[in-house]
């Protein structure tokens, strides 16, 4: 399993709204076209209206690479960049977990 967390900080409220529209579109494609993507969860951050956090879990690094090179993801990355003031990516190492 391979996982990461990405924080996006949008430039302003208009950019955040456009970012959310792009996110809705790409998440649909990810769900439809990426069997190696196990979890792709997007979140707004409470009390930070310009911040978004994505939690992503892939079957393995190859599935992550397939995700990164998929046409819909490449298009998303190109379209989102002008909307952002900053991005932070954290790659995760597995630890203890529970399933409920």
Foldseek 3Di string as FASTA:
>chain_A
DWKKKKKFFFPDLVLQVVLVVLVVVLVVCCVVPQPQWPDWDKDQDPPRRRMIMIITDGNDVVSVVCQCPDPSNVVSVVVSVVGTPDMDMDIDDDDDDDDD
